[in-house]
Amino acid sequence: MTQLFTIFLNILAPVFTLVLIGYLIGPRLQIDARSISRIAYYLLAPSFLFNVIRQADIDFGVALRVTGYILIVTLVTAFVAFLLARVQRASAELTAAYVLIAAFGNVGNFGFPIIQFKYGDAALPWASIYFLILSTTGFIIGVSAASLARGRGLGSVLAVFKTPAIVAAIPAFLANGFSIPLPLFLDRVVVLLAGALIPIMLLTLGIQLAGIGRIQINRHVVMAGLVKLLIGPTLALLLAASFALSGLARGTGVLQAAMPTAVLAMLIALE
């Protein structure tokens, strides 16, 4: 019991405290969450991922196994959500919502700080790789499901490959693989921007939650949420050995698979 309290106090409480601060001050200061989100999206997240990946000691063989591992976990979780919705004879829109909830975890706002507090900075390269894979697949699955439910084409799915964080990952892997140093001035700019990402994301999440308003909880919300929070991490835990993953690669994968649904899933559903 003491250990659980210590974990909550030292790992989860700091995360929830920043979210709560954003939730409380956002409406009072009339902070525009969209503007802050755009700063994080276009500047902070690409800088963070570039900074982490370029300095990481990455075993690319393990990275390939990680990619296959988390893709299977995500696809199976989304498929379970789809089957659960169809068994209940849910509408196309509600089925798409189930899939969105299952596929789109909050691997940025929640994932990065929780993993950093749990495992330290050494886990951030793996957290970043999982972030890239899960964000890409979550966006593709989510937009595809939402588009098909509304009878629209899938052209918007291709926009995911223009995401700044994904674009920044390419030179980051090249800089890592070929040991290309940055000029000191540019290095310090990247480091400063990267350091701002996690607190800004958590505060922004709180501001976004404050703007959602009243949420109605029904059986569909509960069942879809259980698929995301139980099926995902359980699959990640069971499949890790099949991909010969251990240590930080395994631990960060299970935690990222356990992250709750991202606010962005709601925005995709609304669009």
C-alpha atoms as a PDB file:
ATOM      1  CA  MET A   1       0.000   0.000   0.000  1.00  0.00           C
ATOM      2  CA  THR A   2       2.854   2.358   0.885  1.00  0.00           C
ATOM      3  CA  GLN A   3       4.565   1.550  -2.418  1.00  0.00           C
ATOM      4  CA  LEU A   4       1.396   2.343  -4.386  1.00  0.00           C
ATOM      5  CA  PHE A   5       1.058   5.663  -2.576  1.00  0.00           C
ATOM      6  CA  THR A   6       4.706   6.487  -3.312  1.00  0.00           C
ATOM      7  CA  ILE A   7       4.208   5.684  -7.009  1.00  0.00           C
ATOM      8  CA  PHE A   8       1.127   7.892  -7.154  1.00  0.00           C
ATOM      9  CA  LEU A   9       2.792  10.730  -5.241  1.00  0.00           C
ATOM     10  CA  ASN A  10       6.074  10.779  -7.160  1.00  0.00           C
ATOM     11  CA  ILE A  11       4.993   9.711 -10.669  1.00  0.00           C
ATOM     12  CA  LEU A  12       1.307  10.470 -11.243  1.00  0.00           C
ATOM     13  CA  ALA A  13       0.655  13.382  -8.864  1.00  0.00           C
ATOM     14  CA  PRO A  14       3.044  15.827 -10.618  1.00  0.00           C
ATOM     15  CA  VAL A  15       1.377  15.050 -13.955  1.00  0.00           C
ATOM     16  CA  PHE A  16      -2.169  15.515 -12.648  1.00  0.00           C
ATOM     17  CA  THR A  17      -1.128  18.658 -10.749  1.00  0.00           C
ATOM     18  CA  LEU A  18      -0.018  20.406 -13.947  1.00  0.00           C
ATOM     19  CA  VAL A  19      -3.200  19.288 -15.716  1.00  0.00           C
ATOM     20  CA  LEU A  20      -5.249  20.631 -12.785  1.00  0.00           C
ATOM     21  CA  ILE A  21      -3.403  23.969 -12.886  1.00  0.00           C
ATOM     22  CA  GLY A  22      -4.223  24.281 -16.589  1.00  0.00           C
ATOM     23  CA  TYR A  23      -7.841  23.326 -15.891  1.00  0.00           C
ATOM     24  CA  LEU A  24      -8.173  25.999 -13.197  1.00  0.00           C
ATOM     25  CA  ILE A  25      -6.288  28.909 -14.751  1.00  0.00           C
ATOM     26  CA  GLY A  26      -7.367  28.401 -18.367  1.00  0.00           C
ATOM     27  CA  PRO A  27     -10.909  29.800 -18.063  1.00  0.00           C
ATOM     28  CA  ARG A  28      -9.926  32.450 -15.506  1.00  0.00           C
ATOM     29  CA  LEU A  29      -7.122  33.873 -17.650  1.00  0.00           C
ATOM     30  CA  GLN A  30      -9.053  33.217 -20.865  1.00  0.00           C
ATOM     31  CA  ILE A  31      -6.111  31.331 -22.333  1.00  0.00           C
ATOM     32  CA  ASP A  32      -6.544  30.173 -25.913  1.00  0.00           C
ATOM     33  CA  ALA A  33      -5.691  26.462 -25.849  1.00  0.00           C
ATOM     34  CA  ARG A  34      -5.569  26.281 -29.638  1.00  0.00           C
ATOM     35  CA  SER A  35      -2.731  28.820 -29.880  1.00  0.00           C
ATOM     36  CA  ILE A  36      -0.663  27.010 -27.246  1.00  0.00           C
ATOM     37  CA  SER A  37      -1.392  23.664 -28.908  1.00  0.00           C
ATOM     38  CA  ARG A  38      -0.147  25.004 -32.225  1.00  0.00           C
ATOM     39  CA  ILE A  39       3.112  26.156 -30.616  1.00  0.00           C
ATOM     40  CA  ALA A  40       3.590  22.688 -29.120  1.00  0.00           C
ATOM     41  CA  TYR A  41       2.590  20.996 -32.385  1.00  0.00           C
ATOM     42  CA  TYR A  42       4.778  23.017 -34.748  1.00  0.00           C
ATOM     43  CA  LEU A  43       7.773  23.917 -32.547  1.00  0.00           C
ATOM     44  CA  LEU A  44       8.085  22.100 -29.234  1.00  0.00           C
ATOM     45  CA  ALA A  45       7.200  18.518 -30.221  1.00  0.00           C
ATOM     46  CA  PRO A  46       9.493  18.426 -33.296  1.00  0.00           C
ATOM     47  CA  SER A  47      12.331  19.934 -31.235  1.00  0.00           C
ATOM     48  CA  PHE A  48      11.775  17.434 -28.411  1.00  0.00           C
ATOM     49  CA  LEU A  49      11.759  14.404 -30.695  1.00  0.00           C
ATOM     50  CA  PHE A  50      14.728  15.656 -32.705  1.00  0.00           C
ATOM     51  CA  ASN A  51      16.731  16.312 -29.538  1.00  0.00           C
ATOM     52  CA  VAL A  52      15.946  12.937 -27.954  1.00  0.00           C
ATOM     53  CA  ILE A  53      16.422  10.779 -31.054  1.00  0.00           C
ATOM     54  CA  ARG A  54      19.629  12.407 -32.296  1.00  0.00           C
ATOM     55  CA  GLN A  55      21.349  11.756 -28.939  1.00  0.00           C
ATOM     56  CA  ALA A  56      19.902   8.307 -28.278  1.00  0.00           C
ATOM     57  CA  ASP A  57      21.866   5.077 -28.311  1.00  0.00           C
ATOM     58  CA  ILE A  58      19.346   3.226 -30.477  1.00  0.00           C
ATOM     59  CA  ASP A  59      19.617  -0.424 -31.461  1.00  0.00           C
ATOM     60  CA  PHE A  60      17.866  -0.316 -34.826  1.00  0.00           C
ATOM     61  CA  GLY A  61      17.194  -4.055 -34.717  1.00  0.00           C
ATOM     62  CA  VAL A  62      15.263  -3.578 -31.490  1.00  0.00           C
ATOM     63  CA  ALA A  63      13.582  -0.492 -32.964  1.00  0.00           C
ATOM     64  CA  LEU A  64      12.222  -2.597 -35.839  1.00  0.00           C
ATOM     65  CA  ARG A  65      10.875  -5.171 -33.381  1.00  0.00           C
ATOM     66  CA  VAL A  66       9.321  -2.358 -31.336  1.00  0.00           C
ATOM     67  CA  THR A  67       7.597  -1.073 -34.472  1.00  0.00           C
ATOM     68  CA  GLY A  68       6.055  -4.445 -35.312  1.00  0.00           C
ATOM     69  CA  TYR A  69       5.149  -5.050 -31.676  1.00  0.00           C
ATOM     70  CA  ILE A  70       3.237  -1.829 -31.053  1.00  0.00           C
ATOM     71  CA  LEU A  71       1.577  -1.930 -34.492  1.00  0.00           C
ATOM     72  CA  ILE A  72       0.089  -5.333 -33.693  1.00  0.00           C
ATOM     73  CA  VAL A  73      -1.005  -4.188 -30.224  1.00  0.00           C
ATOM     74  CA  THR A  74      -2.722  -1.111 -31.682  1.00  0.00           C
ATOM     75  CA  LEU A  75      -4.393  -2.910 -34.593  1.00  0.00           C
ATOM     76  CA  VAL A  76      -5.688  -5.763 -32.427  1.00  0.00           C
ATOM     77  CA  THR A  77      -7.004  -3.333 -29.790  1.00  0.00           C
ATOM     78  CA  ALA A  78      -8.796  -1.306 -32.476  1.00  0.00           C
ATOM     79  CA  PHE A  79     -10.221  -4.506 -33.988  1.00  0.00           C
ATOM     80  CA  VAL A  80     -11.526  -5.657 -30.590  1.00  0.00           C
ATOM     81  CA  ALA A  81     -13.228  -2.269 -30.198  1.00  0.00           C
ATOM     82  CA  PHE A  82     -14.728  -2.625 -33.681  1.00  0.00           C
ATOM     83  CA  LEU A  83     -16.080  -6.113 -32.895  1.00  0.00           C
ATOM     84  CA  LEU A  84     -17.511  -4.942 -29.573  1.00  0.00           C
ATOM     85  CA  ALA A  85     -19.375  -2.132 -31.325  1.00  0.00           C
ATOM     86  CA  ARG A  86     -20.698  -4.431 -34.054  1.00  0.00           C
ATOM     87  CA  VAL A  87     -21.908  -7.016 -31.511  1.00  0.00           C
ATOM     88  CA  GLN A  88     -24.021  -4.245 -29.987  1.00  0.00           C
ATOM     89  CA  ARG A  89     -25.273  -3.299 -33.478  1.00  0.00           C
ATOM     90  CA  ALA A  90     -23.929   0.209 -33.031  1.00  0.00           C
ATOM     91  CA  SER A  91     -24.302   2.791 -35.785  1.00  0.00           C
ATOM     92  CA  ALA A  92     -21.427   3.521 -38.164  1.00  0.00           C
ATOM     93  CA  GLU A  93     -20.657   6.744 -36.288  1.00  0.00           C
ATOM     94  CA  LEU A  94     -20.626   5.027 -32.890  1.00  0.00           C
ATOM     95  CA  THR A  95     -18.491   2.184 -34.262  1.00  0.00           C
ATOM     96  CA  ALA A  96     -16.006   4.763 -35.538  1.00  0.00           C
ATOM     97  CA  ALA A  97     -15.966   6.337 -32.060  1.00  0.00           C
ATOM     98  CA  TYR A  98     -15.121   2.954 -30.488  1.00  0.00           C
ATOM     99  CA  VAL A  99     -12.222   2.519 -32.912  1.00  0.00           C
ATOM    100  CA  LEU A 100     -11.026   6.085 -32.342  1.00  0.00           C
ATOM    101  CA  ILE A 101     -10.991   5.618 -28.571  1.00  0.00           C
ATOM    102  CA  ALA A 102      -9.078   2.340 -28.850  1.00  0.00           C
ATOM    103  CA  ALA A 103      -6.493   3.524 -31.368  1.00  0.00           C
ATOM    104  CA  PHE A 104      -5.646   7.046 -30.225  1.00  0.00           C
ATOM    105  CA  GLY A 105      -3.853   7.034 -26.875  1.00  0.00           C
ATOM    106  CA  ASN A 106      -2.550  10.132 -25.120  1.00  0.00           C
ATOM    107  CA  VAL A 107       1.063   9.066 -25.635  1.00  0.00           C
ATOM    108  CA  GLY A 108       2.327  12.650 -25.662  1.00  0.00           C
ATOM    109  CA  ASN A 109       0.722  14.693 -22.877  1.00  0.00           C
ATOM    110  CA  PHE A 110       0.540  11.760 -20.461  1.00  0.00           C
ATOM    111  CA  GLY A 111       2.989   9.257 -21.916  1.00  0.00           C
ATOM    112  CA  PHE A 112       6.171  11.325 -21.890  1.00  0.00           C
ATOM    113  CA  PRO A 113       6.006  12.698 -18.324  1.00  0.00           C
ATOM    114  CA  ILE A 114       4.827   9.433 -16.746  1.00  0.00           C
ATOM    115  CA  ILE A 115       7.574   7.453 -18.498  1.00  0.00           C
ATOM    116  CA  GLN A 116      10.179  10.070 -17.602  1.00  0.00           C
ATOM    117  CA  PHE A 117       9.199  10.032 -13.922  1.00  0.00           C
ATOM    118  CA  LYS A 118       8.976   6.224 -13.859  1.00  0.00           C
ATOM    119  CA  TYR A 119      12.113   5.251 -15.802  1.00  0.00           C
ATOM    120  CA  GLY A 120      14.139   8.464 -16.149  1.00  0.00           C
ATOM    121  CA  ASP A 121      15.597  10.185 -19.204  1.00  0.00           C
ATOM    122  CA  ALA A 122      17.070   6.904 -20.470  1.00  0.00           C
ATOM    123  CA  ALA A 123      13.555   5.788 -21.464  1.00  0.00           C
ATOM    124  CA  LEU A 124      12.730   8.903 -23.518  1.00  0.00           C
ATOM    125  CA  PRO A 125      14.221   7.600 -26.801  1.00  0.00           C
ATOM    126  CA  TRP A 126      11.947   4.553 -26.637  1.00  0.00           C
ATOM    127  CA  ALA A 127       9.012   6.705 -25.567  1.00  0.00           C
ATOM    128  CA  SER A 128       9.686   8.918 -28.593  1.00  0.00           C
ATOM    129  CA  ILE A 129       9.757   5.975 -30.995  1.00  0.00           C
ATOM    130  CA  TYR A 130       6.482   4.668 -29.565  1.00  0.00           C
ATOM    131  CA  PHE A 131       5.063   8.195 -29.815  1.00  0.00           C
ATOM    132  CA  LEU A 132       5.907   8.412 -33.523  1.00  0.00           C
ATOM    133  CA  ILE A 133       4.478   4.985 -34.335  1.00  0.00           C
ATOM    134  CA  LEU A 134       1.348   5.304 -32.201  1.00  0.00           C
ATOM    135  CA  SER A 135       0.604   8.861 -33.325  1.00  0.00           C
ATOM    136  CA  THR A 136       0.933   7.884 -36.985  1.00  0.00           C
ATOM    137  CA  THR A 137      -1.112   4.676 -36.766  1.00  0.00           C
ATOM    138  CA  GLY A 138      -3.660   6.243 -34.409  1.00  0.00           C
ATOM    139  CA  PHE A 139      -4.191   9.151 -36.771  1.00  0.00           C
ATOM    140  CA  ILE A 140      -4.478   6.872 -39.827  1.00  0.00           C
ATOM    141  CA  ILE A 141      -6.908   4.469 -38.129  1.00  0.00           C
ATOM    142  CA  GLY A 142      -8.891   7.282 -36.506  1.00  0.00           C
ATOM    143  CA  VAL A 143      -9.265   9.454 -39.592  1.00  0.00           C
ATOM    144  CA  SER A 144     -10.028   6.398 -41.747  1.00  0.00           C
ATOM    145  CA  ALA A 145     -12.749   5.218 -39.373  1.00  0.00           C
ATOM    146  CA  ALA A 146     -14.269   8.688 -39.057  1.00  0.00           C
ATOM    147  CA  SER A 147     -14.112   9.304 -42.824  1.00  0.00           C
ATOM    148  CA  LEU A 148     -15.684   5.959 -43.704  1.00  0.00           C
ATOM    149  CA  ALA A 149     -18.425   6.496 -41.125  1.00  0.00           C
ATOM    150  CA  ARG A 150     -19.301   9.780 -42.822  1.00  0.00           C
ATOM    151  CA  GLY A 151     -18.950   8.394 -46.351  1.00  0.00           C
ATOM    152  CA  ARG A 152     -15.914  10.538 -47.137  1.00  0.00           C
ATOM    153  CA  GLY A 153     -12.706   9.688 -48.969  1.00  0.00           C
ATOM    154  CA  LEU A 154      -9.422   8.826 -47.304  1.00  0.00           C
ATOM    155  CA  GLY A 155      -7.351  11.637 -48.830  1.00  0.00           C
ATOM    156  CA  SER A 156      -7.053  13.393 -45.473  1.00  0.00           C
ATOM    157  CA  VAL A 157      -5.193  10.361 -44.077  1.00  0.00           C
ATOM    158  CA  LEU A 158      -2.127  11.288 -46.143  1.00  0.00           C
ATOM    159  CA  ALA A 159      -1.839  14.545 -44.181  1.00  0.00           C
ATOM    160  CA  VAL A 160      -0.395  12.589 -41.248  1.00  0.00           C
ATOM    161  CA  PHE A 161       2.913  12.271 -43.075  1.00  0.00           C
ATOM    162  CA  LYS A 162       3.223  16.068 -43.055  1.00  0.00           C
ATOM    163  CA  THR A 163       3.057  16.151 -39.247  1.00  0.00           C
ATOM    164  CA  PRO A 164       6.006  18.283 -38.003  1.00  0.00           C
ATOM    165  CA  ALA A 165       7.102  15.691 -35.421  1.00  0.00           C
ATOM    166  CA  ILE A 166       7.266  12.957 -38.066  1.00  0.00           C
ATOM    167  CA  VAL A 167       9.120  15.245 -40.471  1.00  0.00           C
ATOM    168  CA  ALA A 168      11.624  16.142 -37.711  1.00  0.00           C
ATOM    169  CA  ALA A 169      12.263  12.462 -36.978  1.00  0.00           C
ATOM    170  CA  ILE A 170      13.901  11.909 -40.376  1.00  0.00           C
ATOM    171  CA  PRO A 171      16.874  14.293 -39.890  1.00  0.00           C
ATOM    172  CA  ALA A 172      17.048  13.175 -36.245  1.00  0.00           C
ATOM    173  CA  PHE A 173      17.646   9.540 -37.235  1.00  0.00           C
ATOM    174  CA  LEU A 174      20.166  10.678 -39.874  1.00  0.00           C
ATOM    175  CA  ALA A 175      22.007  12.834 -37.332  1.00  0.00           C
ATOM    176  CA  ASN A 176      22.045   9.875 -34.945  1.00  0.00           C
ATOM    177  CA  GLY A 177      23.144   7.296 -37.507  1.00  0.00           C
ATOM    178  CA  PHE A 178      25.935   9.404 -39.017  1.00  0.00           C
ATOM    179  CA  SER A 179      26.935  11.198 -35.775  1.00  0.00           C
ATOM    180  CA  ILE A 180      26.290  14.636 -37.282  1.00  0.00           C
ATOM    181  CA  PRO A 181      26.768  17.395 -34.660  1.00  0.00           C
ATOM    182  CA  LEU A 182      24.698  20.565 -34.553  1.00  0.00           C
ATOM    183  CA  PRO A 183      26.306  24.011 -34.321  1.00  0.00           C
ATOM    184  CA  LEU A 184      26.344  25.069 -30.667  1.00  0.00           C
ATOM    185  CA  PHE A 185      23.914  27.949 -31.244  1.00  0.00           C
ATOM    186  CA  LEU A 186      21.354  25.708 -32.959  1.00  0.00           C
ATOM    187  CA  ASP A 187      21.883  22.937 -30.415  1.00  0.00           C
ATOM    188  CA  ARG A 188      20.975  25.278 -27.555  1.00  0.00           C
ATOM    189  CA  VAL A 189      17.876  26.553 -29.361  1.00  0.00           C
ATOM    190  CA  VAL A 190      16.670  22.970 -29.874  1.00  0.00           C
ATOM    191  CA  VAL A 191      17.399  22.025 -26.247  1.00  0.00           C
ATOM    192  CA  LEU A 192      15.484  25.049 -24.906  1.00  0.00           C
ATOM    193  CA  LEU A 193      12.452  24.335 -27.091  1.00  0.00           C
ATOM    194  CA  ALA A 194      12.562  20.622 -26.242  1.00  0.00           C
ATOM    195  CA  GLY A 195      12.594  21.318 -22.507  1.00  0.00           C
ATOM    196  CA  ALA A 196       9.369  23.311 -22.738  1.00  0.00           C
ATOM    197  CA  LEU A 197       7.296  20.542 -24.336  1.00  0.00           C
ATOM    198  CA  ILE A 198       6.171  18.404 -21.384  1.00  0.00           C
ATOM    199  CA  PRO A 199       4.955  21.172 -19.005  1.00  0.00           C
ATOM    200  CA  ILE A 200       3.289  23.050 -21.866  1.00  0.00           C
ATOM    201  CA  MET A 201       1.497  19.895 -23.060  1.00  0.00           C
ATOM    202  CA  LEU A 202       0.189  19.105 -19.584  1.00  0.00           C
ATOM    203  CA  LEU A 203      -1.028  22.651 -18.968  1.00  0.00           C
ATOM    204  CA  THR A 204      -2.652  22.679 -22.413  1.00  0.00           C
ATOM    205  CA  LEU A 205      -4.412  19.395 -21.687  1.00  0.00           C
ATOM    206  CA  GLY A 206      -5.950  20.933 -18.567  1.00  0.00           C
ATOM    207  CA  ILE A 207      -7.054  24.015 -20.516  1.00  0.00           C
ATOM    208  CA  GLN A 208      -8.606  21.794 -23.210  1.00  0.00           C
ATOM    209  CA  LEU A 209     -10.458  19.710 -20.619  1.00  0.00           C
ATOM    210  CA  ALA A 210     -11.870  22.865 -19.036  1.00  0.00           C
ATOM    211  CA  GLY A 211     -13.322  23.846 -22.397  1.00  0.00           C
ATOM    212  CA  ILE A 212     -15.065  20.540 -23.072  1.00  0.00           C
ATOM    213  CA  GLY A 213     -17.939  21.174 -20.689  1.00  0.00           C
ATOM    214  CA  ARG A 214     -20.154  18.531 -19.143  1.00  0.00           C
ATOM    215  CA  ILE A 215     -19.497  14.940 -20.224  1.00  0.00           C
ATOM    216  CA  GLN A 216     -22.249  12.320 -20.155  1.00  0.00           C
ATOM    217  CA  ILE A 217     -21.033   8.870 -19.130  1.00  0.00           C
ATOM    218  CA  ASN A 218     -22.964   5.959 -20.644  1.00  0.00           C
ATOM    219  CA  ARG A 219     -22.264   2.271 -21.241  1.00  0.00           C
ATOM    220  CA  HIS A 220     -20.607   2.943 -24.592  1.00  0.00           C
ATOM    221  CA  VAL A 221     -18.136   5.373 -22.998  1.00  0.00           C
ATOM    222  CA  VAL A 222     -17.352   2.855 -20.246  1.00  0.00           C
ATOM    223  CA  MET A 223     -16.966  -0.135 -22.593  1.00  0.00           C
ATOM    224  CA  ALA A 224     -14.823   1.704 -25.147  1.00  0.00           C
ATOM    225  CA  GLY A 225     -12.698   3.113 -22.337  1.00  0.00           C
ATOM    226  CA  LEU A 226     -12.183  -0.346 -20.836  1.00  0.00           C
ATOM    227  CA  VAL A 227     -10.984  -1.672 -24.191  1.00  0.00           C
ATOM    228  CA  LYS A 228      -8.399   1.114 -24.344  1.00  0.00           C
ATOM    229  CA  LEU A 229      -7.271   0.904 -20.730  1.00  0.00           C
ATOM    230  CA  LEU A 230      -7.360  -2.891 -20.262  1.00  0.00           C
ATOM    231  CA  ILE A 231      -7.040  -4.679 -23.609  1.00  0.00           C
ATOM    232  CA  GLY A 232      -4.218  -2.456 -24.909  1.00  0.00           C
ATOM    233  CA  PRO A 233      -1.767  -2.817 -22.000  1.00  0.00           C
ATOM    234  CA  THR A 234      -2.682  -6.486 -21.478  1.00  0.00           C
ATOM    235  CA  LEU A 235      -1.823  -7.260 -25.105  1.00  0.00           C
ATOM    236  CA  ALA A 236       1.374  -5.218 -24.801  1.00  0.00           C
ATOM    237  CA  LEU A 237       2.372  -7.165 -21.702  1.00  0.00           C
ATOM    238  CA  LEU A 238       1.613 -10.561 -23.263  1.00  0.00           C
ATOM    239  CA  LEU A 239       3.220  -9.901 -26.656  1.00  0.00           C
ATOM    240  CA  ALA A 240       6.473  -8.316 -25.448  1.00  0.00           C
ATOM    241  CA  ALA A 241       8.190 -11.687 -25.002  1.00  0.00           C
ATOM    242  CA  SER A 242       7.195 -12.772 -28.530  1.00  0.00           C
ATOM    243  CA  PHE A 243       9.181  -9.815 -29.897  1.00  0.00           C
ATOM    244  CA  ALA A 244      12.108 -10.425 -27.516  1.00  0.00           C
ATOM    245  CA  LEU A 245      11.580  -7.070 -25.828  1.00  0.00           C
ATOM    246  CA  SER A 246      12.757  -6.421 -22.297  1.00  0.00           C
ATOM    247  CA  GLY A 247      13.867  -3.594 -20.052  1.00  0.00           C
ATOM    248  CA  LEU A 248      13.028  -0.067 -21.147  1.00  0.00           C
ATOM    249  CA  ALA A 249      11.789  -1.101 -24.596  1.00  0.00           C
ATOM    250  CA  ARG A 250       9.217  -3.369 -22.945  1.00  0.00           C
ATOM    251  CA  GLY A 251       8.308  -1.092 -20.027  1.00  0.00           C
ATOM    252  CA  THR A 252       7.755   2.011 -22.130  1.00  0.00           C
ATOM    253  CA  GLY A 253       5.698   0.006 -24.633  1.00  0.00           C
ATOM    254  CA  VAL A 254       3.338  -1.297 -21.972  1.00  0.00           C
ATOM    255  CA  LEU A 255       2.933   2.163 -20.439  1.00  0.00           C
ATOM    256  CA  GLN A 256       2.301   3.839 -23.797  1.00  0.00           C
ATOM    257  CA  ALA A 257      -0.286   1.177 -24.651  1.00  0.00           C
ATOM    258  CA  ALA A 258      -2.005   1.927 -21.320  1.00  0.00           C
ATOM    259  CA  MET A 259      -2.399   5.665 -21.906  1.00  0.00           C
ATOM    260  CA  PRO A 260      -5.997   6.985 -21.952  1.00  0.00           C
ATOM    261  CA  THR A 261      -7.542   8.328 -25.129  1.00  0.00           C
ATOM    262  CA  ALA A 262      -6.154  11.630 -26.396  1.00  0.00           C
ATOM    263  CA  VAL A 263      -8.252  14.790 -26.630  1.00  0.00           C
ATOM    264  CA  LEU A 264      -7.277  14.857 -30.317  1.00  0.00           C
ATOM    265  CA  ALA A 265      -9.588  11.878 -30.890  1.00  0.00           C
ATOM    266  CA  MET A 266     -12.529  14.120 -30.008  1.00  0.00           C
ATOM    267  CA  LEU A 267     -11.332  16.753 -32.483  1.00  0.00           C
ATOM    268  CA  ILE A 268     -11.082  14.145 -35.255  1.00  0.00           C
ATOM    269  CA  ALA A 269     -14.589  12.934 -34.431  1.00  0.00           C
ATOM    270  CA  LEU A 270     -15.941  16.489 -34.553  1.00  0.00           C
ATOM    271  CA  GLU A 271     -14.215  17.220 -37.869  1.00  0.00           C
END
